[in-house]
Amino acid sequence: MAECILGLCKIPKILEGCLSGSMILYGIGTIVGLKLLTHLMRDMRPLLVTSTKEVVAFQHWLNTQISSTKEFFEDVWAEAKHLYRQEVEKKISILQKQQELLERIRSQLV
């Protein structure tokens, strides 16, 4: 038999096995809690707006820092690639000069 809670002494017999008095109290407590939370949120609105504004400002600052750091490393990468290409071209020109010198020596020996 169902418990007598908040004047709900007679739960229909069909629902008696499915719903207990504590489940009904949980439901009522949830509704009251949501209503209370809504009321508190209205009172806290200025604080929430200020906090959200600070979060947006921090996000903007962080995005700026990330983009400047990304730009810095892209510049470093491009400079390193350029220097590498210059070194490769220098080595190729040295090898070509050595090849030409060897061909001159070979032609003089023959």
C-alpha atoms as a PDB file:
ATOM      1  CA  MET A   1       0.000   0.000   0.000  1.00  0.00           C
ATOM      2  CA  ALA A   2       1.240   3.481  -0.804  1.00  0.00           C
ATOM      3  CA  GLU A   3       2.435   5.868   1.888  1.00  0.00           C
ATOM      4  CA  CYS A   4       0.419   8.943   2.791  1.00  0.00           C
ATOM      5  CA  ILE A   5       2.517  11.894   1.594  1.00  0.00           C
ATOM      6  CA  LEU A   6       1.276  15.453   1.161  1.00  0.00           C
ATOM      7  CA  GLY A   7      -2.297  14.332   1.219  1.00  0.00           C
ATOM      8  CA  LEU A   8      -1.698  11.684  -1.465  1.00  0.00           C
ATOM      9  CA  CYS A   9      -3.029   8.849   0.639  1.00  0.00           C
ATOM     10  CA  LYS A  10      -4.862   7.095  -2.134  1.00  0.00           C
ATOM     11  CA  ILE A  11      -2.813   6.376  -5.256  1.00  0.00           C
ATOM     12  CA  PRO A  12      -4.827   4.394  -7.757  1.00  0.00           C
ATOM     13  CA  LYS A  13      -4.057   0.697  -7.553  1.00  0.00           C
ATOM     14  CA  ILE A  14      -2.790   0.632 -11.154  1.00  0.00           C
ATOM     15  CA  LEU A  15      -0.061   3.161 -10.321  1.00  0.00           C
ATOM     16  CA  GLU A  16       0.625   1.800  -6.844  1.00  0.00           C
ATOM     17  CA  GLY A  17       3.306  -0.625  -8.055  1.00  0.00           C
ATOM     18  CA  CYS A  18       4.921   1.929 -10.388  1.00  0.00           C
ATOM     19  CA  LEU A  19       4.945   5.046  -8.257  1.00  0.00           C
ATOM     20  CA  SER A  20       5.970   5.226  -4.651  1.00  0.00           C
ATOM     21  CA  GLY A  21       5.548   8.175  -2.329  1.00  0.00           C
ATOM     22  CA  SER A  22       9.257   8.935  -2.435  1.00  0.00           C
ATOM     23  CA  MET A  23       9.168   9.122  -6.247  1.00  0.00           C
ATOM     24  CA  ILE A  24       6.383  11.668  -6.063  1.00  0.00           C
ATOM     25  CA  LEU A  25       8.407  13.674  -3.530  1.00  0.00           C
ATOM     26  CA  TYR A  26      11.434  13.548  -5.838  1.00  0.00           C
ATOM     27  CA  GLY A  27       9.302  14.900  -8.675  1.00  0.00           C
ATOM     28  CA  ILE A  28       7.845  17.688  -6.547  1.00  0.00           C
ATOM     29  CA  GLY A  29      11.326  18.508  -5.208  1.00  0.00           C
ATOM     30  CA  THR A  30      12.689  18.705  -8.736  1.00  0.00           C
ATOM     31  CA  ILE A  31       9.954  21.088  -9.832  1.00  0.00           C
ATOM     32  CA  VAL A  32      10.418  23.289  -6.750  1.00  0.00           C
ATOM     33  CA  GLY A  33      14.200  23.216  -7.204  1.00  0.00           C
ATOM     34  CA  LEU A  34      13.924  24.291 -10.850  1.00  0.00           C
ATOM     35  CA  LYS A  35      11.542  27.089  -9.913  1.00  0.00           C
ATOM     36  CA  LEU A  36      13.900  28.241  -7.144  1.00  0.00           C
ATOM     37  CA  LEU A  37      16.902  28.022  -9.470  1.00  0.00           C
ATOM     38  CA  THR A  38      15.089  30.115 -12.073  1.00  0.00           C
ATOM     39  CA  HIS A  39      14.307  32.754  -9.452  1.00  0.00           C
ATOM     40  CA  LEU A  40      17.933  32.792  -8.233  1.00  0.00           C
ATOM     41  CA  MET A  41      19.226  33.047 -11.797  1.00  0.00           C
ATOM     42  CA  ARG A  42      17.115  36.162 -12.372  1.00  0.00           C
ATOM     43  CA  ASP A  43      18.680  37.750  -9.285  1.00  0.00           C
ATOM     44  CA  MET A  44      22.175  36.713 -10.384  1.00  0.00           C
ATOM     45  CA  ARG A  45      21.779  37.982 -13.963  1.00  0.00           C
ATOM     46  CA  PRO A  46      24.109  41.007 -13.638  1.00  0.00           C
ATOM     47  CA  LEU A  47      26.835  38.791 -12.183  1.00  0.00           C
ATOM     48  CA  LEU A  48      26.329  36.196 -14.920  1.00  0.00           C
ATOM     49  CA  VAL A  49      26.474  38.870 -17.630  1.00  0.00           C
ATOM     50  CA  THR A  50      29.699  40.305 -16.177  1.00  0.00           C
ATOM     51  CA  SER A  51      31.262  36.836 -15.886  1.00  0.00           C
ATOM     52  CA  THR A  52      30.253  35.957 -19.429  1.00  0.00           C
ATOM     53  CA  LYS A  53      31.680  39.256 -20.685  1.00  0.00           C
ATOM     54  CA  GLU A  54      35.011  38.405 -19.022  1.00  0.00           C
ATOM     55  CA  VAL A  55      34.980  34.958 -20.619  1.00  0.00           C
ATOM     56  CA  VAL A  56      34.389  36.538 -24.039  1.00  0.00           C
ATOM     57  CA  ALA A  57      37.243  39.014 -23.427  1.00  0.00           C
ATOM     58  CA  PHE A  58      39.572  36.181 -22.387  1.00  0.00           C
ATOM     59  CA  GLN A  59      38.590  34.174 -25.461  1.00  0.00           C
ATOM     60  CA  HIS A  60      39.354  37.175 -27.687  1.00  0.00           C
ATOM     61  CA  TRP A  61      42.743  37.677 -25.978  1.00  0.00           C
ATOM     62  CA  LEU A  62      43.566  33.976 -26.294  1.00  0.00           C
ATOM     63  CA  ASN A  63      42.655  33.911 -29.993  1.00  0.00           C
ATOM     64  CA  THR A  64      44.874  36.955 -30.556  1.00  0.00           C
ATOM     65  CA  GLN A  65      47.785  35.282 -28.776  1.00  0.00           C
ATOM     66  CA  ILE A  66      47.313  32.052 -30.695  1.00  0.00           C
ATOM     67  CA  SER A  67      47.178  33.836 -34.045  1.00  0.00           C
ATOM     68  CA  SER A  68      50.303  35.900 -33.320  1.00  0.00           C
ATOM     69  CA  THR A  69      52.171  32.797 -32.168  1.00  0.00           C
ATOM     70  CA  LYS A  70      51.023  30.938 -35.273  1.00  0.00           C
ATOM     71  CA  GLU A  71      52.203  33.813 -37.469  1.00  0.00           C
ATOM     72  CA  PHE A  72      55.589  33.825 -35.703  1.00  0.00           C
ATOM     73  CA  PHE A  73      56.139  30.112 -36.303  1.00  0.00           C
ATOM     74  CA  GLU A  74      54.983  30.398 -39.920  1.00  0.00           C
ATOM     75  CA  ASP A  75      57.639  33.092 -40.410  1.00  0.00           C
ATOM     76  CA  VAL A  76      60.276  30.892 -38.762  1.00  0.00           C
ATOM     77  CA  TRP A  77      59.245  27.971 -40.992  1.00  0.00           C
ATOM     78  CA  ALA A  78      59.409  30.078 -44.148  1.00  0.00           C
ATOM     79  CA  GLU A  79      62.823  31.471 -43.213  1.00  0.00           C
ATOM     80  CA  ALA A  80      64.175  28.003 -42.443  1.00  0.00           C
ATOM     81  CA  LYS A  81      62.893  26.693 -45.799  1.00  0.00           C
ATOM     82  CA  HIS A  82      64.487  29.621 -47.609  1.00  0.00           C
ATOM     83  CA  LEU A  83      67.852  29.078 -45.902  1.00  0.00           C
ATOM     84  CA  TYR A  84      67.705  25.359 -46.636  1.00  0.00           C
ATOM     85  CA  ARG A  85      67.047  26.027 -50.332  1.00  0.00           C
ATOM     86  CA  GLN A  86      69.958  28.479 -50.443  1.00  0.00           C
ATOM     87  CA  GLU A  87      72.277  25.868 -48.906  1.00  0.00           C
ATOM     88  CA  VAL A  88      71.126  23.230 -51.391  1.00  0.00           C
ATOM     89  CA  GLU A  89      71.651  25.619 -54.318  1.00  0.00           C
ATOM     90  CA  LYS A  90      75.110  26.523 -52.988  1.00  0.00           C
ATOM     91  CA  LYS A  91      76.064  22.839 -52.682  1.00  0.00           C
ATOM     92  CA  ILE A  92      74.783  22.178 -56.207  1.00  0.00           C
ATOM     93  CA  SER A  93      76.829  25.072 -57.611  1.00  0.00           C
ATOM     94  CA  ILE A  94      79.954  23.821 -55.784  1.00  0.00           C
ATOM     95  CA  LEU A  95      79.394  20.323 -57.181  1.00  0.00           C
ATOM     96  CA  GLN A  96      78.937  21.744 -60.688  1.00  0.00           C
ATOM     97  CA  LYS A  97      82.182  23.743 -60.380  1.00  0.00           C
ATOM     98  CA  GLN A  98      83.999  20.640 -59.157  1.00  0.00           C
ATOM     99  CA  GLN A  99      82.583  18.672 -62.078  1.00  0.00           C
ATOM    100  CA  GLU A 100      83.743  21.349 -64.546  1.00  0.00           C
ATOM    101  CA  LEU A 101      87.197  21.416 -62.960  1.00  0.00           C
ATOM    102  CA  LEU A 102      87.469  17.637 -63.156  1.00  0.00           C
ATOM    103  CA  GLU A 103      86.429  17.712 -66.824  1.00  0.00           C
ATOM    104  CA  ARG A 104      89.108  20.360 -67.586  1.00  0.00           C
ATOM    105  CA  ILE A 105      91.759  18.300 -65.852  1.00  0.00           C
ATOM    106  CA  ARG A 106      90.617  15.199 -67.693  1.00  0.00           C
ATOM    107  CA  SER A 107      90.690  16.984 -71.067  1.00  0.00           C
ATOM    108  CA  GLN A 108      94.228  18.290 -70.368  1.00  0.00           C
ATOM    109  CA  LEU A 109      95.435  14.786 -69.439  1.00  0.00           C
ATOM    110  CA  VAL A 110      94.119  13.190 -72.604  1.00  0.00           C
END
